[in-house]
Amino acid sequence: MEVVNKRVGIVGAGISGLLACKYALSKGFTPVVFESRSCIGGVWTKTIETTKLQTPGAAYQFSDFPWPADVQEEFPNQYQVFDYLKAYANHFDLVRHIRFSTKVVSLSYQGPSGPDDNGDAEMEAWTHWGGSCRGIWNIITVTTEQEQEQEEVHRFDFVILCVGRFSDVPNIPEFPPTDMGPEAFQGKVIHSMDYSEMGTASAADLVKGKRVAVVGFQKSAMDIAMECSTINGVEHPCTVLYRTEHWNVPDYLPWGIPMAYLYLNRFSELLVHKPRQGFLLSLLATLLSPLRWGISKFVETHIKRKLRLDKYGMVPKHSFLKELSSCLIATVPDGFYDRVDKGSIQLKKLGQNNSFGFCEQGILVDDGDPLEVDLVILCTGFRGVDKLKHIFSSPTFQDYIVGSHNAAVPLYRECIHPQIPQLAVIGFSESVSNLYTSEMRCKWVAELLNGTFKLPSIKEMEKDIEAWDKYMKQYSGEYYRRSCIGALHIWYNDQLCKDMGWNPHRKKGFFADLFQPYGPLDYAQP
């Protein structure tokens, strides 16, 4: 489609929002970015003090704006990342297009017939995305910096949602017995989001001298456990309560070989069954399955040896490939297991039913003796789907965006819902480097708006969505709703490149294209 009036509304000024703004400007559109906070940065605005990138900096950078020379670390810290994002926004003069302290509370679609036309009747007859409809999106906002909230309505020809999935709506576990919820506990229960927003000094004061239990075993859980153990030592050890062991990595050099040569090149993707790949590629992936298994085991043995996982009973039951395909890989903080040895961090696994509850003294696990604690920090993730759903005022669009309960969020190219017109979603689907992937998607959406290419029919888009959903269920298992393209980012980018009219093969020479890792700089130019 080609947007005639060229007014584009963008929700969120995190990484995806900045990219969407930059590439909309590059095609001559007039973007307005709405950001509820007072600054750019998204999840990097306020995070845990010790947080670092989970991806090497070389794979987590803008294609046309490299890291500054003074950032030499392989995994830049949160302050370096935040400064990098601010420098990018200033370099491309994006800040003047952002309305800070402006929260989007609702999004409604108005069909071409007027205020009473929500487009539902016409949409049912569409064969292609948007049909012949040229409606308007109404974005309702409130200002968050004034004592009295002021509501405004903004009208746009196209909307790009860059709201992410790791903020604002915490995932709080359910506790079926009414007398075993947090209210039964005499201590305090918070979410990692609350901890992150406290600031360093307040967070330290909160945990000092307390018996802390951290629920979860992903990156935020490990970082918070490390901070608690630094403050309290062995006198008040931090207990990490977890459900599933994960292949969290000590580094990206298994047995001295860069991980990118094992999983981020075209050859590695030949070992994986891909969506809509054709018979020959399917046959090749089947024939090479022993090699796929061997590479996964190669990485697993390195992690097991370096982190001494056998010693702590922390060897996962699933493969490393599944971890990668689910975008669950986290970098283990330096010295984490040394602190387990010393006793300032204790690991405790949930029982067979994978549940826990509260009592007055602390946490109940498997009807045993209570784990006596003063503070519980839930590092249980976020409800990203709920956040995306409730931004729409229309129940029809809410149902569309969520899709089936047993399928991933149904987005074509992980950007466009076939039944929701004049709207894109960027930064919801995951990859091993979300910045890199978001930039490719923003380029694709900008070319779509500019009329460079047209989308296929709704039926064809739904077939493609179904094929990707099948792939995610095959390789990610129960984590398929994370919509992770981690093990197929080149195959995914190939589809975007073909749509835009770019050559998908970005390396010079057959062997270079097959074996060299792909990264953001490979897509700097069309």
Protein backbone atom coordinates (compact mmCIF):
# COMPACT_ATOMS: atom_id res chain seq x y z
CA MET A 1 0.00 0.00 0.00
CA GLU A 2 1.03 3.62 -0.44
CA VAL A 3 0.13 6.08 2.29
CA VAL A 4 -1.10 9.21 0.52
CA ASN A 5 -1.37 11.77 3.34
CA LYS A 6 1.80 10.47 4.95
CA ARG A 7 0.88 11.01 8.63
CA VAL A 8 2.29 8.10 10.64
CA GLY A 9 1.67 7.63 14.36
CA ILE A 10 4.26 5.61 16.29
CA VAL A 11 3.59 4.33 19.81
CA GLY A 12 6.75 3.98 21.90
CA ALA A 13 10.21 5.60 21.73
CA GLY A 14 12.27 2.55 22.55
CA ILE A 15 14.61 0.99 20.01
CA SER A 16 11.83 -0.03 17.61
CA GLY A 17 10.10 3.34 17.87
CA LEU A 18 13.30 5.25 17.08
CA LEU A 19 13.94 3.01 14.08
CA ALA A 20 10.36 3.33 12.85
CA CYS A 21 10.64 7.12 13.08
CA LYS A 22 13.98 7.21 11.27
CA TYR A 23 12.87 5.05 8.34
CA ALA A 24 9.49 6.78 8.05
CA LEU A 25 11.35 10.08 7.72
CA SER A 26 13.67 8.58 5.10
CA LYS A 27 10.65 7.98 2.84
CA GLY A 28 9.20 11.45 3.28
CA PHE A 29 6.51 10.60 5.83
CA THR A 30 5.55 12.77 8.80
CA PRO A 31 5.92 10.66 11.94
CA VAL A 32 4.79 11.54 15.45
CA VAL A 33 6.11 9.34 18.24
CA PHE A 34 4.20 9.05 21.53
CA GLU A 35 6.26 8.11 24.56
CA SER A 36 4.77 7.78 28.07
CA ARG A 37 8.12 8.39 29.77
CA SER A 38 10.11 11.61 29.78
CA CYS A 39 12.96 10.20 27.68
CA ILE A 40 13.74 7.68 24.96
CA GLY A 41 15.09 4.18 25.54
CA GLY A 42 12.21 1.83 26.30
CA VAL A 43 13.37 -0.98 28.58
CA TRP A 44 16.82 0.66 28.81
CA THR A 45 15.39 3.73 30.54
CA LYS A 46 15.27 2.03 33.94
CA THR A 47 16.76 -1.37 34.48
CA ILE A 48 18.73 -3.37 37.02
CA GLU A 49 22.02 -1.68 37.93
CA THR A 50 24.27 -4.55 36.80
CA THR A 51 22.44 -5.30 33.55
CA LYS A 52 24.51 -5.78 30.41
CA LEU A 53 23.66 -6.69 26.84
CA GLN A 54 22.83 -10.35 26.30
CA THR A 55 24.11 -10.17 22.73
CA PRO A 56 27.65 -9.18 21.68
CA GLY A 57 27.74 -5.52 20.70
CA ALA A 58 28.78 -6.34 17.12
CA ALA A 59 25.38 -8.00 16.57
CA TYR A 60 23.47 -5.36 18.53
CA GLN A 61 24.08 -2.16 16.61
CA PHE A 62 22.42 0.05 14.02
CA SER A 63 23.49 -0.73 10.46
CA ASP A 64 24.40 2.91 9.74
CA PHE A 65 25.52 4.05 13.19
CA PRO A 66 28.25 1.89 14.80
CA TRP A 67 29.16 1.84 18.46
CA PRO A 68 31.47 4.71 19.50
CA ALA A 69 35.17 3.89 19.58
CA ASP A 70 35.38 4.20 23.37
CA VAL A 71 32.98 1.28 23.88
CA GLN A 72 35.38 -1.67 23.80
CA GLU A 73 33.44 -4.17 25.90
CA GLU A 74 31.94 -7.18 24.14
CA PHE A 75 28.77 -6.78 26.22
CA PRO A 76 28.17 -3.06 26.87
CA ASN A 77 26.46 -2.15 30.14
CA GLN A 78 23.09 -0.47 30.51
CA TYR A 79 24.56 3.04 30.64
CA GLN A 80 26.55 2.53 27.45
CA VAL A 81 23.48 1.16 25.67
CA PHE A 82 21.35 4.07 26.84
CA ASP A 83 23.96 6.61 25.71
CA TYR A 84 24.21 4.83 22.36
CA LEU A 85 20.44 5.10 21.82
CA LYS A 86 20.47 8.80 22.74
CA ALA A 87 23.37 9.44 20.35
CA TYR A 88 21.45 7.67 17.55
CA ALA A 89 18.33 9.75 18.18
CA ASN A 90 20.32 12.97 18.20
CA HIS A 91 22.40 12.08 15.15
CA PHE A 92 19.30 11.52 13.00
CA ASP A 93 17.37 14.39 14.61
CA LEU A 94 14.57 12.14 15.84
CA VAL A 95 13.86 13.78 19.20
CA ARG A 96 11.88 16.68 17.72
CA HIS A 97 9.33 14.15 16.40
CA ILE A 98 8.71 12.64 19.86
CA ARG A 99 5.99 13.75 22.27
CA PHE A 100 7.31 12.78 25.69
CA SER A 101 5.19 12.17 28.80
CA THR A 102 2.30 11.30 26.51
CA LYS A 103 0.63 7.97 27.17
CA VAL A 104 -1.49 6.24 24.54
CA VAL A 105 -4.62 4.98 26.28
CA SER A 106 -6.64 3.84 23.28
CA LEU A 107 -6.46 3.14 19.57
CA SER A 108 -9.57 3.11 17.38
CA TYR A 109 -10.13 2.74 13.66
CA GLN A 110 -12.58 4.90 11.76
CA GLY A 111 -13.71 3.70 8.33
CA PRO A 112 -14.11 6.02 5.33
CA SER A 113 -17.85 6.54 5.93
CA GLY A 114 -17.36 8.61 9.08
CA PRO A 115 -17.25 8.42 12.89
CA ASP A 116 -19.81 5.60 13.14
CA ASP A 117 -17.94 3.40 10.66
CA ASN A 118 -15.47 1.09 12.43
CA GLY A 119 -14.76 -0.80 9.22
CA ASP A 120 -16.05 -4.16 10.52
CA ALA A 121 -18.65 -4.71 7.78
CA GLU A 122 -16.28 -4.03 4.92
CA MET A 123 -13.40 -5.99 6.45
CA GLU A 124 -15.32 -9.24 6.30
CA ALA A 125 -15.39 -9.03 2.50
CA TRP A 126 -11.70 -8.20 2.02
CA THR A 127 -9.51 -10.45 -0.07
CA HIS A 128 -6.44 -8.23 0.37
CA TRP A 129 -5.06 -6.31 3.35
CA GLY A 130 -6.97 -3.06 3.78
CA GLY A 131 -9.21 -3.79 0.80
CA SER A 132 -10.09 -0.54 -0.93
CA CYS A 133 -10.55 1.09 2.48
CA ARG A 134 -8.74 4.30 3.40
CA GLY A 135 -9.77 4.90 6.96
CA ILE A 136 -8.18 6.83 9.80
CA TRP A 137 -6.68 5.71 13.11
CA ASN A 138 -7.59 7.76 16.17
CA ILE A 139 -4.92 7.69 18.87
CA ILE A 140 -6.21 8.89 22.24
CA THR A 141 -3.49 10.13 24.59
CA VAL A 142 -3.16 11.66 28.03
CA THR A 143 -0.25 13.74 29.28
CA THR A 144 1.56 12.20 32.24
CA GLU A 145 3.63 15.16 33.47
CA GLN A 146 0.79 17.40 34.58
CA GLU A 147 -1.24 17.07 37.78
CA GLN A 148 -4.46 16.92 35.79
CA GLU A 149 -4.40 14.54 32.86
CA GLN A 150 -5.27 16.16 29.56
CA GLU A 151 -6.82 13.93 26.91
CA GLU A 152 -6.18 14.48 23.21
CA VAL A 153 -7.23 12.71 20.01
CA HIS A 154 -4.74 12.42 17.15
CA ARG A 155 -5.59 11.22 13.63
CA PHE A 156 -3.20 9.21 11.49
CA ASP A 157 -3.20 7.43 8.15
CA PHE A 158 -0.98 4.66 9.48
CA VAL A 159 0.06 3.47 12.95
CA ILE A 160 3.15 1.54 14.02
CA LEU A 161 2.97 -0.09 17.45
CA CYS A 162 6.39 -0.32 19.10
CA VAL A 163 5.21 -1.18 22.60
CA GLY A 164 7.47 -4.21 23.11
CA ARG A 165 6.65 -7.19 25.26
CA PHE A 166 8.96 -6.78 28.28
CA SER A 167 7.46 -3.88 30.20
CA ASP A 168 4.40 -2.36 31.87
CA VAL A 169 2.21 -5.47 32.33
CA PRO A 170 3.97 -7.88 34.75
CA ASN A 171 3.20 -11.56 34.67
CA ILE A 172 2.08 -12.41 38.20
CA PRO A 173 1.63 -16.15 38.79
CA GLU A 174 -1.81 -17.36 39.80
CA PHE A 175 -2.29 -18.93 43.20
CA PRO A 176 -5.54 -20.99 43.04
CA PRO A 177 -6.04 -21.56 46.76
CA THR A 178 -7.28 -18.17 47.93
CA ASP A 179 -5.47 -18.49 51.24
CA MET A 180 -2.06 -19.15 49.61
CA GLY A 181 -1.61 -15.91 47.67
CA PRO A 182 0.78 -13.05 48.52
CA GLU A 183 -1.77 -11.61 50.95
CA ALA A 184 -1.06 -14.56 53.29
CA PHE A 185 2.60 -13.51 53.54
CA GLN A 186 3.68 -11.09 56.26
CA GLY A 187 6.64 -9.90 54.19
CA LYS A 188 6.73 -8.02 50.89
CA VAL A 189 6.18 -9.30 47.34
CA ILE A 190 7.26 -7.26 44.31
CA HIS A 191 7.92 -7.86 40.62
CA SER A 192 11.31 -7.37 38.96
CA MET A 193 9.76 -4.38 37.15
CA ASP A 194 9.23 -2.67 40.52
CA TYR A 195 12.79 -3.48 41.57
CA SER A 196 14.22 -2.05 38.34
CA GLU A 197 12.31 1.21 38.68
CA MET A 198 13.47 1.86 42.24
CA GLY A 199 16.94 2.98 41.34
CA THR A 200 20.19 1.59 42.72
CA ALA A 201 20.15 3.13 46.20
CA SER A 202 16.49 2.39 46.95
CA ALA A 203 16.81 -1.20 45.71
CA ALA A 204 19.87 -1.74 47.91
CA ASP A 205 18.03 -0.36 50.94
CA LEU A 206 15.08 -2.65 50.22
CA VAL A 207 17.10 -5.90 50.22
CA LYS A 208 19.72 -5.03 52.84
CA GLY A 209 19.59 -7.35 55.83
CA LYS A 210 16.65 -9.30 54.44
CA ARG A 211 16.17 -12.93 53.48
CA VAL A 212 15.31 -12.61 49.80
CA ALA A 213 13.77 -15.17 47.45
CA VAL A 214 13.98 -14.54 43.70
CA VAL A 215 11.45 -16.49 41.61
CA GLY A 216 12.70 -17.30 38.10
CA PHE A 217 15.93 -18.21 36.35
CA GLN A 218 16.24 -15.87 33.38
CA LYS A 219 18.49 -12.83 33.12
CA SER A 220 16.68 -10.49 35.52
CA ALA A 221 16.52 -13.23 38.17
CA MET A 222 20.26 -13.90 37.98
CA ASP A 223 21.13 -10.18 38.00
CA ILE A 224 18.93 -9.46 41.02
CA ALA A 225 20.26 -12.51 42.87
CA MET A 226 23.80 -11.27 42.27
CA GLU A 227 22.94 -7.82 43.61
CA CYS A 228 21.28 -9.29 46.71
CA SER A 229 24.25 -11.57 47.39
CA THR A 230 26.66 -8.64 47.03
CA ILE A 231 24.71 -6.66 49.63
CA ASN A 232 23.88 -9.45 52.12
CA GLY A 233 26.59 -12.08 51.61
CA VAL A 234 26.28 -15.47 53.29
CA GLU A 235 24.64 -14.00 56.39
CA HIS A 236 21.37 -13.59 54.48
CA PRO A 237 21.72 -15.74 51.35
CA CYS A 238 19.46 -15.10 48.37
CA THR A 239 17.36 -18.09 47.33
CA VAL A 240 16.67 -18.53 43.62
CA LEU A 241 13.45 -20.50 43.19
CA TYR A 242 13.19 -21.91 39.67
CA ARG A 243 11.02 -24.24 37.62
CA THR A 244 13.20 -25.17 34.64
CA GLU A 245 16.95 -25.34 34.10
CA HIS A 246 18.18 -23.32 31.11
CA TRP A 247 21.23 -23.29 28.86
CA ASN A 248 22.35 -19.88 30.09
CA VAL A 249 25.75 -19.21 28.56
CA PRO A 250 29.05 -18.21 30.21
CA ASP A 251 30.31 -16.80 26.88
CA TYR A 252 29.77 -17.01 23.14
CA LEU A 253 32.93 -19.06 22.45
CA PRO A 254 32.06 -22.76 22.89
CA TRP A 255 35.40 -24.58 22.95
CA GLY A 256 37.01 -21.50 21.42
CA ILE A 257 34.73 -21.30 18.37
CA PRO A 258 32.59 -18.17 17.95
CA MET A 259 28.93 -19.07 18.38
CA ALA A 260 28.08 -17.08 15.26
CA TYR A 261 29.85 -19.67 13.09
CA LEU A 262 27.68 -22.40 14.59
CA TYR A 263 24.26 -20.71 14.50
CA LEU A 264 24.30 -17.36 12.66
CA ASN A 265 25.29 -18.30 9.12
CA ARG A 266 23.46 -19.82 6.18
CA PHE A 267 24.99 -23.25 6.62
CA SER A 268 23.58 -23.55 10.15
CA GLU A 269 20.10 -22.77 8.81
CA LEU A 270 20.39 -25.58 6.26
CA LEU A 271 20.18 -27.94 9.25
CA VAL A 272 16.77 -26.60 10.30
CA HIS A 273 13.39 -27.27 8.72
CA LYS A 274 12.18 -23.88 7.56
CA PRO A 275 8.69 -22.51 6.86
CA ARG A 276 7.63 -23.04 3.23
CA GLN A 277 11.07 -24.25 2.26
CA GLY A 278 10.36 -26.74 -0.51
CA PHE A 279 11.15 -30.44 -0.83
CA LEU A 280 14.91 -30.27 -1.44
CA LEU A 281 15.66 -28.04 1.53
CA SER A 282 13.39 -30.18 3.71
CA LEU A 283 15.23 -33.32 2.62
CA LEU A 284 18.60 -31.67 3.25
CA ALA A 285 17.57 -30.62 6.78
CA THR A 286 16.47 -34.20 7.48
CA LEU A 287 19.72 -35.69 6.16
CA LEU A 288 21.79 -33.22 8.18
CA SER A 289 19.85 -33.76 11.41
CA PRO A 290 22.73 -35.74 13.02
CA LEU A 291 24.98 -32.72 12.49
CA ARG A 292 22.30 -30.45 13.96
CA TRP A 293 22.19 -32.68 17.04
CA GLY A 294 26.00 -32.79 17.21
CA ILE A 295 26.44 -29.02 17.13
CA SER A 296 23.89 -28.61 19.90
CA LYS A 297 25.69 -31.21 22.02
CA PHE A 298 29.02 -29.50 21.26
CA VAL A 299 27.75 -26.24 22.77
CA GLU A 300 26.06 -28.02 25.68
CA THR A 301 29.26 -29.80 26.74
CA HIS A 302 31.09 -26.47 26.82
CA ILE A 303 28.43 -24.85 29.02
CA LYS A 304 28.27 -27.89 31.32
CA ARG A 305 32.03 -27.92 31.77
CA LYS A 306 32.56 -24.20 32.24
CA LEU A 307 29.64 -23.64 34.63
CA ARG A 308 29.93 -27.07 36.35
CA LEU A 309 26.21 -27.64 35.85
CA ASP A 310 26.39 -31.33 36.85
CA LYS A 311 27.68 -30.32 40.27
CA TYR A 312 24.66 -28.10 40.92
CA GLY A 313 22.05 -30.33 39.28
CA MET A 314 21.40 -27.59 36.72
CA VAL A 315 21.70 -29.53 33.45
CA PRO A 316 18.62 -28.78 31.28
CA LYS A 317 16.58 -31.63 29.85
CA HIS A 318 16.04 -29.87 26.51
CA SER A 319 18.61 -29.07 23.81
CA PHE A 320 20.57 -25.89 23.29
CA LEU A 321 18.93 -25.55 19.88
CA LYS A 322 15.53 -25.36 21.57
CA GLU A 323 16.89 -22.68 23.91
CA LEU A 324 18.12 -20.67 20.92
CA SER A 325 14.91 -21.24 18.95
CA SER A 326 12.90 -19.92 21.92
CA CYS A 327 15.06 -16.79 22.42
CA LEU A 328 15.62 -17.84 26.04
CA ILE A 329 19.41 -17.63 26.08
CA ALA A 330 20.82 -15.42 28.83
CA THR A 331 24.41 -14.67 29.78
CA VAL A 332 25.33 -15.88 33.27
CA PRO A 333 26.80 -13.04 35.39
CA ASP A 334 30.47 -13.48 36.20
CA GLY A 335 30.93 -15.40 39.43
CA PHE A 336 27.30 -16.51 39.76
CA TYR A 337 28.11 -20.15 40.53
CA ASP A 338 31.08 -19.14 42.68
CA ARG A 339 28.55 -17.44 44.94
CA VAL A 340 26.45 -20.61 44.93
CA ASP A 341 29.59 -22.40 46.19
CA LYS A 342 30.15 -19.82 48.91
CA GLY A 343 26.53 -19.93 50.00
CA SER A 344 25.43 -16.34 49.31
CA ILE A 345 23.14 -17.69 46.54
CA GLN A 346 21.07 -20.83 47.04
CA LEU A 347 19.28 -22.69 44.24
CA LYS A 348 15.97 -24.41 44.90
CA LYS A 349 13.85 -26.12 42.26
CA LEU A 350 10.07 -26.27 42.37
CA GLY A 351 8.54 -29.72 42.67
CA GLN A 352 6.74 -31.82 40.10
CA ASN A 353 3.65 -29.61 40.00
CA ASN A 354 5.81 -26.52 39.30
CA SER A 355 3.80 -24.38 41.71
CA PHE A 356 4.28 -22.60 44.98
CA GLY A 357 2.22 -20.61 47.45
CA PHE A 358 2.62 -18.27 50.36
CA CYS A 359 2.20 -18.61 54.10
CA GLU A 360 2.81 -16.16 56.89
CA GLN A 361 6.50 -17.04 57.22
CA GLY A 362 7.34 -17.17 53.50
CA ILE A 363 6.96 -19.55 50.55
CA LEU A 364 5.44 -23.02 50.51
CA VAL A 365 6.86 -25.50 48.01
CA ASP A 366 5.37 -29.00 47.61
CA ASP A 367 3.66 -28.96 51.02
CA GLY A 368 7.02 -29.10 52.77
CA ASP A 369 8.46 -26.83 55.39
CA PRO A 370 8.07 -23.17 54.43
CA LEU A 371 11.01 -21.29 52.98
CA GLU A 372 11.29 -18.46 55.50
CA VAL A 373 11.93 -15.14 53.77
CA ASP A 374 11.28 -11.43 54.24
CA LEU A 375 11.09 -10.35 50.60
CA VAL A 376 9.99 -12.13 47.41
CA ILE A 377 10.94 -10.74 43.99
CA LEU A 378 8.99 -12.26 41.10
CA CYS A 379 11.16 -12.42 37.97
CA THR A 380 8.33 -14.06 36.05
CA GLY A 381 8.29 -11.99 32.89
CA PHE A 382 5.56 -9.87 31.34
CA ARG A 383 2.18 -10.32 29.69
CA GLY A 384 3.15 -8.86 26.35
CA VAL A 385 0.10 -10.20 24.53
CA ASP A 386 -2.26 -8.55 27.03
CA LYS A 387 -0.42 -5.26 26.61
CA LEU A 388 -0.78 -5.44 22.84
CA LYS A 389 -4.42 -6.49 23.04
CA HIS A 390 -5.68 -3.76 25.33
CA ILE A 391 -4.28 -0.88 23.34
CA PHE A 392 -7.17 -1.45 20.88
CA SER A 393 -10.61 -0.12 21.81
CA SER A 394 -12.36 -2.48 19.36
CA PRO A 395 -13.15 -5.96 20.75
CA THR A 396 -12.89 -7.22 17.15
CA PHE A 397 -9.32 -5.99 16.80
CA GLN A 398 -8.49 -7.27 20.28
CA ASP A 399 -9.57 -10.75 19.20
CA TYR A 400 -7.72 -10.45 15.90
CA ILE A 401 -4.38 -9.44 17.42
CA VAL A 402 -4.43 -12.16 20.09
CA GLY A 403 -5.48 -14.87 17.65
CA SER A 404 -5.95 -18.46 18.76
CA HIS A 405 -4.95 -19.48 22.28
CA ASN A 406 -2.87 -22.31 20.81
CA ALA A 407 -0.96 -20.27 18.22
CA ALA A 408 1.56 -17.44 18.21
CA VAL A 409 0.35 -13.88 17.64
CA PRO A 410 -0.68 -13.99 13.95
CA LEU A 411 1.53 -11.42 12.21
CA TYR A 412 2.65 -11.69 8.58
CA ARG A 413 6.42 -11.16 8.43
CA GLU A 414 6.01 -10.69 12.20
CA CYS A 415 4.74 -7.16 11.41
CA ILE A 416 1.29 -7.08 9.79
CA HIS A 417 -2.01 -8.59 10.89
CA PRO A 418 -3.95 -9.54 7.74
CA GLN A 419 -7.26 -8.29 9.19
CA ILE A 420 -6.12 -5.04 10.83
CA PRO A 421 -5.68 -2.29 8.22
CA GLN A 422 -3.10 0.47 8.09
CA LEU A 423 -1.19 -0.78 11.11
CA ALA A 424 2.11 -2.57 11.82
CA VAL A 425 3.61 -4.07 14.96
CA ILE A 426 7.39 -3.83 15.41
CA GLY A 427 9.44 -5.35 18.23
CA PHE A 428 6.99 -7.94 19.48
CA SER A 429 8.46 -11.05 17.87
CA GLU A 430 11.89 -11.94 19.27
CA SER A 431 15.31 -12.78 17.86
CA VAL A 432 18.83 -13.20 19.17
CA SER A 433 19.39 -9.48 18.54
CA ASN A 434 16.18 -7.49 18.75
CA LEU A 435 17.76 -4.23 17.56
CA TYR A 436 19.06 -5.87 14.40
CA THR A 437 15.72 -7.52 13.66
CA SER A 438 13.66 -4.40 14.43
CA GLU A 439 15.75 -2.37 12.01
CA MET A 440 15.08 -4.83 9.18
CA ARG A 441 11.36 -4.76 9.94
CA CYS A 442 11.26 -0.96 10.00
CA LYS A 443 12.98 -0.84 6.61
CA TRP A 444 10.41 -3.31 5.29
CA VAL A 445 7.43 -1.37 6.67
CA ALA A 446 8.79 1.90 5.26
CA GLU A 447 9.11 0.34 1.79
CA LEU A 448 5.58 -1.07 2.12
CA LEU A 449 4.19 2.37 2.96
CA ASN A 450 6.14 3.88 0.09
CA GLY A 451 4.48 1.50 -2.38
CA THR A 452 7.69 -0.39 -3.24
CA PHE A 453 5.82 -3.69 -3.05
CA LYS A 454 2.33 -5.00 -2.35
CA LEU A 455 1.27 -7.60 0.14
CA PRO A 456 -0.16 -10.92 -1.07
CA SER A 457 -3.79 -11.85 -0.51
CA ILE A 458 -5.11 -12.33 3.00
CA LYS A 459 -5.38 -16.09 2.41
CA GLU A 460 -1.75 -16.23 1.28
CA MET A 461 -0.59 -14.24 4.31
CA GLU A 462 -2.55 -16.55 6.61
CA LYS A 463 -0.87 -19.58 5.02
CA ASP A 464 2.53 -18.03 5.67
CA ILE A 465 1.62 -17.22 9.27
CA GLU A 466 0.46 -20.82 9.75
CA ALA A 467 3.74 -22.16 8.36
CA TRP A 468 5.80 -20.04 10.76
CA ASP A 469 3.57 -21.07 13.65
CA LYS A 470 4.20 -24.72 12.79
CA TYR A 471 7.96 -24.08 12.72
CA MET A 472 7.88 -22.35 16.11
CA LYS A 473 5.96 -25.20 17.69
CA GLN A 474 8.39 -27.74 16.23
CA TYR A 475 11.56 -26.03 17.48
CA SER A 476 10.43 -23.90 20.44
CA GLY A 477 7.96 -26.36 21.95
CA GLU A 478 5.96 -24.84 24.81
CA TYR A 479 7.66 -21.46 24.22
CA TYR A 480 6.19 -21.00 20.73
CA ARG A 481 4.18 -17.92 21.72
CA ARG A 482 7.43 -15.99 22.09
CA SER A 483 7.41 -15.84 18.26
CA CYS A 484 11.17 -16.32 18.16
CA ILE A 485 13.07 -16.36 14.85
CA GLY A 486 16.43 -16.85 16.60
CA ALA A 487 17.58 -19.92 14.66
CA LEU A 488 16.32 -18.65 11.29
CA HIS A 489 17.11 -14.95 11.21
CA ILE A 490 18.81 -15.14 7.77
CA TRP A 491 15.93 -17.09 6.21
CA TYR A 492 13.55 -14.54 7.72
CA ASN A 493 15.58 -11.59 6.42
CA ASP A 494 15.68 -13.24 2.99
CA GLN A 495 11.89 -12.94 2.80
CA LEU A 496 12.03 -9.25 3.72
CA CYS A 497 14.78 -8.62 1.16
CA LYS A 498 12.86 -10.34 -1.63
CA ASP A 499 9.76 -8.27 -0.82
CA MET A 500 11.78 -5.04 -0.97
CA GLY A 501 13.56 -6.01 -4.17
CA TRP A 502 16.94 -6.44 -2.48
CA ASN A 503 19.39 -9.23 -3.20
CA PRO A 504 19.07 -11.51 -0.13
CA HIS A 505 22.65 -12.79 -0.56
CA ARG A 506 24.71 -10.09 1.16
CA LYS A 507 28.19 -11.65 1.06
CA LYS A 508 30.70 -11.71 -1.79
CA GLY A 509 31.29 -15.23 -3.01
CA PHE A 510 29.51 -18.56 -2.52
CA PHE A 511 31.53 -19.83 0.45
CA ALA A 512 31.49 -16.48 2.24
CA ASP A 513 27.72 -16.31 1.88
CA LEU A 514 27.36 -19.87 3.15
CA PHE A 515 29.73 -19.87 6.10
CA GLN A 516 30.34 -16.30 7.28
CA PRO A 517 28.03 -15.03 10.03
CA TYR A 518 25.44 -12.44 9.07
CA GLY A 519 24.97 -9.26 11.08
CA PRO A 520 23.46 -5.76 10.96
CA LEU A 521 26.17 -4.25 8.77
CA ASP A 522 25.36 -6.72 5.99
CA TYR A 523 22.03 -4.95 5.51
CA ALA A 524 23.27 -1.34 5.64
CA GLN A 525 22.56 -0.80 1.93
CA PRO A 526 19.80 -2.16 -0.40
